[in-house]
Every structure is written in structure tokens, then in C-alpha cells.
């Protein structure tokens, strides 16, 4: 039963029985791990209410061979996630990053993924209110690219012709990219005007750009993920974001 000590971010937390919590952690050295924090909900718990989503710290847990749930023995907080919880869009965007990792990552170490998620949460916490949605979309799309699901936007999927910056395209959700207007004739995907494709290219690179129809961008992201990440389903955080920005 080795003792693991590693940097960790709480991606998900929920109560277990009346006194304990189960956490999903993204760790620097051991990928995504599930741990139980015994007695974490008791008033005098040594965890003191710090085990909340998006909190970051040094986690210590006992790894049990052949088990999916390990026992958390310590968590030294370095950054609280409380600021993200005070704003609906910030919280929703942070939750989306967490869900994407939980859907796709493994127990294999991926320090670059850890750094990307940490930087993304920091960005969502600090970005001005008027730029939260654009930053959230940029962090989500760039994370999708890191995870290996980036859409193909530079050339037509069918004829492979490089696309000009000023030409409209058809975004094919199922195929994971765009067709030129000739190859996309007959309804192969949703038509994107040139400015929309340029905005999407920037978002995939992690760049926040001015967006005039953010609800449409959240809906496009949700449709793309339904084909490439969640097998026709939906991420709860993305459903929340789509409903929130559209209300």
C-alpha cells in the first residue's frame, strides 16, 4: 500500500454517508484518481471544508493495488476554488473543464494536462466579467485539442484544399471538421461564415476573441462533443452553460 504525495486539483466532490466525501482528483504524477476523505464532513475534520471543486493542493493518499478508490490522508491547500463558485458562468466553465478531463483522462501521468487545467482555472478566476464566456470557450476548445479531439478547420475534409480566410464553410460535426462550399453542398453540416470560422480557429488556439453570439458557440461546442467525447450524450456543465447564457 504505497503512500502517494502529489500535486492535485479537485475536479469533483460529493458526500459519502453522513461524514465522508469522495473526490475525483487530477494529479500531476498519477493522472485522475478517486479518493475517499473519511470524516471530511465532521465539524472538527482536519480537512476543514477545503475539499471543494477546483481547490488545488498537495494530496497524500494510500494507493491500494487493484482498487479504484483510495484513502486520502492529507490535503495541504495551495489555492481555493471558492472564487469560481461566486459566478455562474465562471463556475460552469470550470465545471466543463473538469468534466472533459473526467470523460477522457486516465490514471497515466500527464503533467502537461495538469498544467493546462491549472492555468485554465486560474484564467477563469482572473478574467474580467465581460470576457468570461470567450475565455471559457477558449479554454474548453484548447483542452479538447490537447486531449486529441481538435476539429480540422484549415482545409476541406473532402478535397483537402487549404481554405481561404474569407470563404464560408460547412462544419461537419460527425466528421470533426469543415468542408468547402462545393464539397459541403447538399447539407453536409452547419454553414459557418468566414468570421465564425476565424473565431473558432482562435478559440481552438486558446485565444479569447470578441463574440457576438455566444449561445451559438456554446451550442456548436455541445454538438461537436456529442459526436466525439460523450457518444451522443451531453455534459451537464455544458447544458447548464447553454441554458444560462440563453436565458
Protein backbone atom coordinates (compact mmCIF):
# COMPACT_ATOMS: atom_id res chain seq x y z
CA UNK A 1 0.00 0.00 0.00
CA UNK A 2 2.31 2.82 -1.24
CA UNK A 3 1.87 6.34 0.07
CA UNK A 4 1.43 8.82 -2.78
CA UNK A 5 2.25 12.51 -2.36
CA UNK A 6 1.43 14.68 -5.38
CA UNK A 7 0.04 18.00 -6.56
CA UNK A 8 -3.70 17.66 -7.15
CA UNK A 9 -6.78 19.56 -8.30
CA UNK A 10 -10.23 18.58 -7.05
CA UNK A 11 -12.35 18.02 -10.14
CA UNK A 12 -15.42 16.65 -8.38
CA UNK A 13 -16.59 16.16 -4.81
CA UNK A 14 -19.70 14.59 -3.32
CA UNK A 15 -20.84 13.39 0.07
CA UNK A 16 -20.48 9.74 1.00
CA UNK A 17 -22.51 8.65 4.00
CA UNK A 18 -23.06 11.34 6.63
CA UNK A 19 -19.41 12.06 7.36
CA UNK A 20 -17.17 11.40 4.37
CA UNK A 21 -16.52 12.68 0.85
CA UNK A 22 -15.50 11.01 -2.37
CA UNK A 23 -13.26 13.12 -4.60
CA UNK A 24 -12.06 12.85 -8.17
CA UNK A 25 -8.60 14.33 -8.35
CA UNK A 26 -6.45 15.31 -11.28
CA UNK A 27 -2.90 14.70 -10.09
CA UNK A 28 0.41 15.67 -11.62
CA UNK A 29 2.01 12.24 -11.23
CA UNK A 30 -0.87 9.72 -11.26
CA UNK A 31 -3.49 11.08 -13.65
CA UNK A 32 -7.09 11.03 -12.46
CA UNK A 33 -7.62 9.28 -9.12
CA UNK A 34 -10.65 8.64 -6.91
CA UNK A 35 -10.15 9.02 -3.16
CA UNK A 36 -12.29 8.94 -0.06
CA UNK A 37 -11.78 11.60 2.58
CA UNK A 38 -13.05 9.94 5.72
CA UNK A 39 -14.77 12.15 8.27
CA UNK A 40 -14.35 15.20 5.99
CA UNK A 41 -17.89 16.39 6.78
CA UNK A 42 -17.48 16.34 10.53
CA UNK A 43 -17.27 19.78 12.20
CA UNK A 44 -13.76 19.23 13.51
CA UNK A 45 -12.39 17.48 10.45
CA UNK A 46 -8.73 18.13 9.68
CA UNK A 47 -9.83 18.90 6.12
CA UNK A 48 -11.80 21.90 7.40
CA UNK A 49 -14.09 22.32 4.40
CA UNK A 50 -11.24 22.76 1.91
CA UNK A 51 -12.12 19.77 -0.29
CA UNK A 52 -14.32 21.62 -2.76
CA UNK A 53 -14.31 21.56 -6.58
CA UNK A 54 -11.37 23.38 -8.19
CA UNK A 55 -9.33 23.57 -4.99
CA UNK A 56 -5.65 22.83 -5.52
CA UNK A 57 -3.13 21.44 -3.10
CA UNK A 58 -0.67 18.72 -2.18
CA UNK A 59 -2.61 15.48 -1.76
CA UNK A 60 -1.41 12.46 0.17
CA UNK A 61 -3.24 9.16 -0.21
CA UNK A 62 -2.74 5.45 0.23
CA UNK A 63 -2.93 3.70 -3.13
CA UNK A 64 -4.48 0.25 -2.84
CA UNK A 65 -3.41 -2.22 -5.51
CA UNK A 66 -6.34 -3.41 -7.59
CA UNK A 67 -8.68 -0.80 -6.12
CA UNK A 68 -10.26 2.22 -7.81
CA UNK A 69 -10.88 4.12 -4.57
CA UNK A 70 -8.00 5.15 -2.34
CA UNK A 71 -7.88 6.73 1.11
CA UNK A 72 -6.95 10.39 1.37
CA UNK A 73 -4.77 11.09 4.39
CA UNK A 74 -3.91 14.73 3.79
CA UNK A 75 -4.53 17.73 1.57
CA UNK A 76 -2.43 20.87 2.01
CA UNK A 77 -4.37 23.63 0.29
CA UNK A 78 -2.45 25.98 -2.00
CA UNK A 79 -5.42 27.60 -3.76
CA UNK A 80 -9.13 27.62 -3.03
CA UNK A 81 -11.72 27.31 -5.77
CA UNK A 82 -14.26 29.45 -3.96
CA UNK A 83 -13.89 32.45 -6.27
CA UNK A 84 -15.05 30.36 -9.23
CA UNK A 85 -18.19 29.42 -7.33
CA UNK A 86 -19.33 33.04 -6.94
CA UNK A 87 -20.15 33.49 -10.63
CA UNK A 88 -22.42 31.15 -12.60
CA UNK A 89 -20.53 31.35 -15.89
CA UNK A 90 -17.10 31.00 -14.27
CA UNK A 91 -18.34 28.00 -12.29
CA UNK A 92 -19.97 26.44 -15.36
CA UNK A 93 -16.85 26.90 -17.50
CA UNK A 94 -14.61 25.45 -14.77
CA UNK A 95 -17.01 22.52 -14.40
CA UNK A 96 -16.81 21.94 -18.15
CA UNK A 97 -13.02 21.62 -17.98
CA UNK A 98 -13.39 19.17 -15.11
CA UNK A 99 -15.99 17.07 -16.95
CA UNK A 100 -13.87 16.93 -20.10
CA UNK A 101 -10.93 15.59 -18.10
CA UNK A 102 -13.09 13.08 -16.24
CA UNK A 103 -14.55 11.80 -19.52
CA UNK A 104 -11.24 11.35 -21.30
CA UNK A 105 -8.23 11.19 -18.99
CA UNK A 106 -6.74 8.11 -17.35
CA UNK A 107 -4.56 7.17 -14.38
CA UNK A 108 -1.46 7.70 -16.52
CA UNK A 109 0.67 10.69 -15.59
CA UNK A 110 0.20 13.71 -17.84
CA UNK A 111 1.94 16.73 -16.28
CA UNK A 112 1.13 18.92 -19.29
CA UNK A 113 -2.58 18.21 -18.83
CA UNK A 114 -2.32 19.10 -15.15
CA UNK A 115 -0.58 22.38 -16.00
CA UNK A 116 -3.15 23.19 -18.69
CA UNK A 117 -6.12 22.64 -16.37
CA UNK A 118 -4.49 24.60 -13.57
CA UNK A 119 -3.74 27.52 -15.91
CA UNK A 120 -7.29 27.34 -17.29
CA UNK A 121 -8.87 27.56 -13.85
CA UNK A 122 -6.58 30.44 -12.94
CA UNK A 123 -7.56 32.26 -16.12
CA UNK A 124 -11.28 31.75 -15.49
CA UNK A 125 -10.88 33.11 -11.99
CA UNK A 126 -9.00 36.25 -13.05
CA UNK A 127 -10.56 37.21 -16.39
CA UNK A 128 -12.80 40.32 -16.37
CA UNK A 129 -16.53 39.64 -16.21
CA UNK A 130 -17.19 40.73 -19.78
CA UNK A 131 -14.66 38.21 -21.14
CA UNK A 132 -15.62 35.13 -19.12
CA UNK A 133 -17.61 33.39 -21.85
CA UNK A 134 -14.95 33.88 -24.51
CA UNK A 135 -12.23 32.70 -22.11
CA UNK A 136 -14.34 29.70 -21.13
CA UNK A 137 -14.86 28.70 -24.76
CA UNK A 138 -11.15 29.19 -25.48
CA UNK A 139 -10.11 27.03 -22.54
CA UNK A 140 -12.61 24.31 -23.48
CA UNK A 141 -11.59 24.16 -27.15
CA UNK A 142 -7.86 24.24 -26.40
CA UNK A 143 -8.29 21.48 -23.82
CA UNK A 144 -10.20 19.43 -26.39
CA UNK A 145 -7.25 19.85 -28.72
CA UNK A 146 -4.81 18.75 -26.02
CA UNK A 147 -6.92 15.66 -25.44
CA UNK A 148 -6.72 14.78 -29.14
CA UNK A 149 -10.15 15.84 -30.39
CA UNK A 150 -9.42 19.16 -32.11
CA UNK A 151 -11.58 19.85 -35.19
CA UNK A 152 -9.93 20.22 -38.60
CA UNK A 153 -10.51 23.83 -39.69
CA UNK A 154 -7.67 24.76 -42.03
CA UNK A 155 -8.53 22.60 -45.06
CA UNK A 156 -11.57 20.90 -46.58
CA UNK A 157 -12.06 17.40 -45.18
CA UNK A 158 -13.16 16.08 -48.59
CA UNK A 159 -10.95 17.66 -51.25
CA UNK A 160 -8.18 18.62 -48.79
CA UNK A 161 -7.86 22.08 -50.33
CA UNK A 162 -6.48 24.71 -47.96
CA UNK A 163 -9.23 27.18 -47.18
CA UNK A 164 -9.02 30.92 -47.70
CA UNK A 165 -9.70 33.09 -44.68
CA UNK A 166 -12.64 34.82 -46.39
CA UNK A 167 -14.61 31.82 -47.61
CA UNK A 168 -17.61 30.24 -45.86
CA UNK A 169 -17.52 26.56 -44.91
CA UNK A 170 -19.77 23.77 -43.71
CA UNK A 171 -18.92 22.47 -40.23
CA UNK A 172 -19.48 18.70 -40.19
CA UNK A 173 -19.98 17.68 -36.55
CA UNK A 174 -19.71 13.95 -37.15
CA UNK A 175 -16.62 14.18 -39.36
CA UNK A 176 -14.91 16.58 -36.97
CA UNK A 177 -14.09 19.41 -39.33
CA UNK A 178 -15.17 21.57 -42.24
CA UNK A 179 -15.99 21.18 -45.93
CA UNK A 180 -15.66 23.84 -48.57
CA UNK A 181 -18.92 25.09 -50.05
CA UNK A 182 -18.55 22.81 -53.07
CA UNK A 183 -17.93 19.62 -51.10
CA UNK A 184 -20.42 20.64 -48.44
CA UNK A 185 -23.24 21.17 -50.92
CA UNK A 186 -26.29 19.10 -50.05
CA UNK A 187 -26.37 19.90 -46.35
CA UNK A 188 -23.16 18.33 -45.04
CA UNK A 189 -23.01 20.14 -41.73
CA UNK A 190 -23.80 23.60 -40.46
CA UNK A 191 -22.75 26.56 -42.57
CA UNK A 192 -20.20 28.86 -40.95
CA UNK A 193 -19.47 32.33 -42.34
CA UNK A 194 -15.80 33.36 -42.59
CA UNK A 195 -15.78 35.37 -39.35
CA UNK A 196 -17.24 32.44 -37.40
CA UNK A 197 -14.56 30.04 -38.65
CA UNK A 198 -11.83 32.56 -37.83
CA UNK A 199 -13.25 32.95 -34.33
CA UNK A 200 -13.34 29.18 -33.90
CA UNK A 201 -9.74 28.87 -35.09
CA UNK A 202 -8.71 31.40 -32.45
CA UNK A 203 -10.67 29.63 -29.72
CA UNK A 204 -9.04 26.30 -30.57
CA UNK A 205 -5.67 28.03 -30.15
CA UNK A 206 -6.82 29.16 -26.70
CA UNK A 207 -7.32 32.80 -27.70
CA UNK A 208 -10.29 34.71 -26.33
CA UNK A 209 -11.95 36.77 -29.06
CA UNK A 210 -14.99 39.08 -29.15
CA UNK A 211 -18.11 37.01 -29.81
CA UNK A 212 -21.47 38.43 -30.80
CA UNK A 213 -23.46 35.21 -30.41
CA UNK A 214 -22.01 33.26 -27.51
CA UNK A 215 -25.06 31.00 -27.19
CA UNK A 216 -24.45 29.74 -30.73
CA UNK A 217 -20.80 28.97 -29.87
CA UNK A 218 -21.80 27.00 -26.76
CA UNK A 219 -24.36 25.08 -28.85
CA UNK A 220 -21.76 24.30 -31.53
CA UNK A 221 -19.35 23.04 -28.88
CA UNK A 222 -22.07 20.85 -27.34
CA UNK A 223 -22.96 19.34 -30.71
CA UNK A 224 -19.31 18.62 -31.53
CA UNK A 225 -18.71 16.95 -28.17
CA UNK A 226 -21.82 14.80 -28.55
CA UNK A 227 -20.12 13.11 -31.52
CA UNK A 228 -16.53 12.96 -30.30
CA UNK A 229 -16.47 12.78 -26.50
CA UNK A 230 -19.81 11.78 -24.96
CA UNK A 231 -21.22 9.33 -27.56
CA UNK A 232 -24.41 11.19 -28.28
CA UNK A 233 -24.92 12.33 -24.70
CA UNK A 234 -24.38 15.68 -23.07
CA UNK A 235 -22.14 17.16 -20.41
CA UNK A 236 -24.15 18.58 -17.52
CA UNK A 237 -21.95 21.65 -17.26
CA UNK A 238 -22.38 22.44 -20.95
CA UNK A 239 -26.14 22.03 -20.74
CA UNK A 240 -26.08 24.42 -17.78
CA UNK A 241 -23.98 26.96 -19.69
CA UNK A 242 -26.18 26.78 -22.79
CA UNK A 243 -29.31 27.35 -20.70
CA UNK A 244 -27.72 30.10 -18.61
CA UNK A 245 -26.37 32.23 -21.45
CA UNK A 246 -29.58 31.75 -23.42
CA UNK A 247 -31.88 32.83 -20.58
